[in-house]
């Protein structure tokens, strides 16, 4: 099995922050896995081509080559709707070998609360 997805913890809704966002559909306790989503990891050339498109705002950083060229990945599922916050209530972890990204609650998340992640070094570029 490549990846598992835990449905029911989150859903996409209209966000007051930016278009659409991911919201808790029930209480999510701190440390709980919100979901594990499959990734399509792109090569350096595909990543460069993607930078000129809107889709680049929805990718996850994977790694970079010794000369600084970046590889990214497209995530499938609701995680791609997570908006940025410098004070996130969730964190993501990319697993290159499994080709997945895992979303985990950093704090207790109340029902109907938007699930936010820190885009880290890519926040300025993505926003």
Protein backbone atom coordinates (compact mmCIF):
# COMPACT_ATOMS: atom_id res chain seq x y z
CA UNK A 1 0.00 0.00 0.00
CA UNK A 2 1.54 3.30 -1.12
CA UNK A 3 -0.43 5.60 1.18
CA UNK A 4 -3.39 5.74 3.47
CA UNK A 5 -5.87 8.52 3.86
CA UNK A 6 -7.95 9.12 6.95
CA UNK A 7 -11.17 10.62 5.75
CA UNK A 8 -13.54 12.42 8.04
CA UNK A 9 -11.09 14.58 10.01
CA UNK A 10 -11.00 17.47 7.55
CA UNK A 11 -12.90 18.97 4.66
CA UNK A 12 -12.38 21.70 2.08
CA UNK A 13 -14.44 24.86 2.56
CA UNK A 14 -14.35 28.53 1.62
CA UNK A 15 -11.59 30.23 3.59
CA UNK A 16 -11.57 33.81 4.85
CA UNK A 17 -7.80 33.76 4.32
CA UNK A 18 -7.48 32.76 0.69
CA UNK A 19 -10.07 31.15 -1.56
CA UNK A 20 -10.44 27.63 -0.21
CA UNK A 21 -8.94 26.03 2.87
CA UNK A 22 -8.92 22.83 4.89
CA UNK A 23 -11.11 22.78 8.00
CA UNK A 24 -11.46 20.37 10.91
CA UNK A 25 -14.73 18.46 10.60
CA UNK A 26 -14.50 17.47 14.27
CA UNK A 27 -12.12 17.90 17.19
CA UNK A 28 -8.56 16.91 16.29
CA UNK A 29 -6.27 16.36 19.30
CA UNK A 30 -2.68 17.59 19.38
CA UNK A 31 -0.36 15.02 17.79
CA UNK A 32 -3.14 13.30 15.83
CA UNK A 33 -2.48 12.32 12.27
CA UNK A 34 -4.93 14.25 10.12
CA UNK A 35 -4.07 12.36 6.97
CA UNK A 36 -1.43 10.77 4.78
CA UNK A 37 -1.59 11.82 1.15
CA UNK A 38 0.16 10.49 -1.97
CA UNK A 39 2.76 12.58 -3.76
CA UNK A 40 3.85 12.76 -7.36
CA UNK A 41 7.52 13.72 -7.09
CA UNK A 42 8.75 15.80 -10.00
CA UNK A 43 12.23 16.03 -11.42
CA UNK A 44 14.24 19.24 -11.53
CA UNK A 45 13.23 20.04 -15.13
CA UNK A 46 9.52 19.54 -14.44
CA UNK A 47 9.80 21.64 -11.28
CA UNK A 48 11.35 24.50 -13.26
CA UNK A 49 8.57 24.35 -15.85
CA UNK A 50 5.95 24.32 -13.12
CA UNK A 51 7.27 27.54 -11.55
CA UNK A 52 5.59 29.57 -14.30
CA UNK A 53 2.15 28.12 -13.52
CA UNK A 54 -0.47 28.54 -10.78
CA UNK A 55 0.03 24.90 -9.85
CA UNK A 56 3.42 25.81 -8.35
CA UNK A 57 1.56 27.45 -5.44
CA UNK A 58 0.25 24.02 -4.46
CA UNK A 59 3.42 21.91 -4.46
CA UNK A 60 5.58 20.66 -1.63
CA UNK A 61 9.35 21.05 -1.51
CA UNK A 62 11.11 17.69 -1.69
CA UNK A 63 14.85 18.33 -1.85
CA UNK A 64 17.55 19.97 -3.88
CA UNK A 65 20.59 18.84 -5.80
CA UNK A 66 24.13 19.76 -4.69
CA UNK A 67 24.07 22.64 -7.20
CA UNK A 68 20.86 24.06 -5.66
CA UNK A 69 18.25 22.88 -8.17
CA UNK A 70 14.95 22.15 -6.41
CA UNK A 71 12.61 19.18 -6.76
CA UNK A 72 8.99 19.48 -5.70
CA UNK A 73 5.96 17.23 -5.51
CA UNK A 74 2.27 17.56 -6.23
CA UNK A 75 0.16 16.27 -3.35
CA UNK A 76 -3.16 14.59 -4.04
CA UNK A 77 -6.04 15.13 -1.67
CA UNK A 78 -7.26 17.81 0.69
CA UNK A 79 -3.79 18.72 2.00
CA UNK A 80 -3.20 20.78 -1.14
CA UNK A 81 -5.87 23.20 0.17
CA UNK A 82 -3.99 24.01 3.41
CA UNK A 83 -3.30 27.72 3.72
CA UNK A 84 -0.18 29.27 5.25
CA UNK A 85 0.28 30.72 8.71
CA UNK A 86 3.39 31.81 10.56
CA UNK A 87 1.57 30.33 13.59
CA UNK A 88 0.30 27.01 12.21
CA UNK A 89 -1.87 24.49 14.02
CA UNK A 90 -0.60 21.59 11.88
CA UNK A 91 2.68 20.41 10.41
CA UNK A 92 3.48 18.35 7.35
CA UNK A 93 6.27 15.87 6.72
CA UNK A 94 7.33 14.72 3.26
CA UNK A 95 8.50 11.10 3.00
CA UNK A 96 10.37 10.79 -0.30
CA UNK A 97 10.78 7.01 -0.06
CA UNK A 98 7.07 6.38 0.56
CA UNK A 99 6.09 9.23 -1.80
CA UNK A 100 3.69 10.64 0.79
CA UNK A 101 3.11 13.74 2.86
CA UNK A 102 1.69 13.38 6.38
CA UNK A 103 -0.36 16.12 8.04
CA UNK A 104 -0.31 16.16 11.86
CA UNK A 105 -1.96 18.47 14.41
CA UNK A 106 0.51 20.70 16.29
CA UNK A 107 -2.16 21.68 18.80
CA UNK A 108 -5.74 20.74 19.61
CA UNK A 109 -7.88 21.86 16.67
CA UNK A 110 -11.52 22.65 17.37
CA UNK A 111 -14.27 21.69 14.93
CA UNK A 112 -14.72 24.16 12.06
CA UNK A 113 -11.23 25.63 12.60
CA UNK A 114 -9.08 26.11 9.53
CA UNK A 115 -6.07 23.79 9.45
CA UNK A 116 -3.00 25.90 8.70
CA UNK A 117 0.59 24.96 7.92
CA UNK A 118 3.80 26.96 7.69
CA UNK A 119 5.03 27.10 4.10
CA UNK A 120 8.46 27.76 5.61
CA UNK A 121 11.06 29.08 3.13
CA UNK A 122 8.47 29.06 0.34
CA UNK A 123 5.86 31.25 2.08
CA UNK A 124 6.89 34.48 0.40
CA UNK A 125 7.18 32.80 -3.00
CA UNK A 126 3.82 31.02 -2.74
CA UNK A 127 1.70 33.87 -1.43
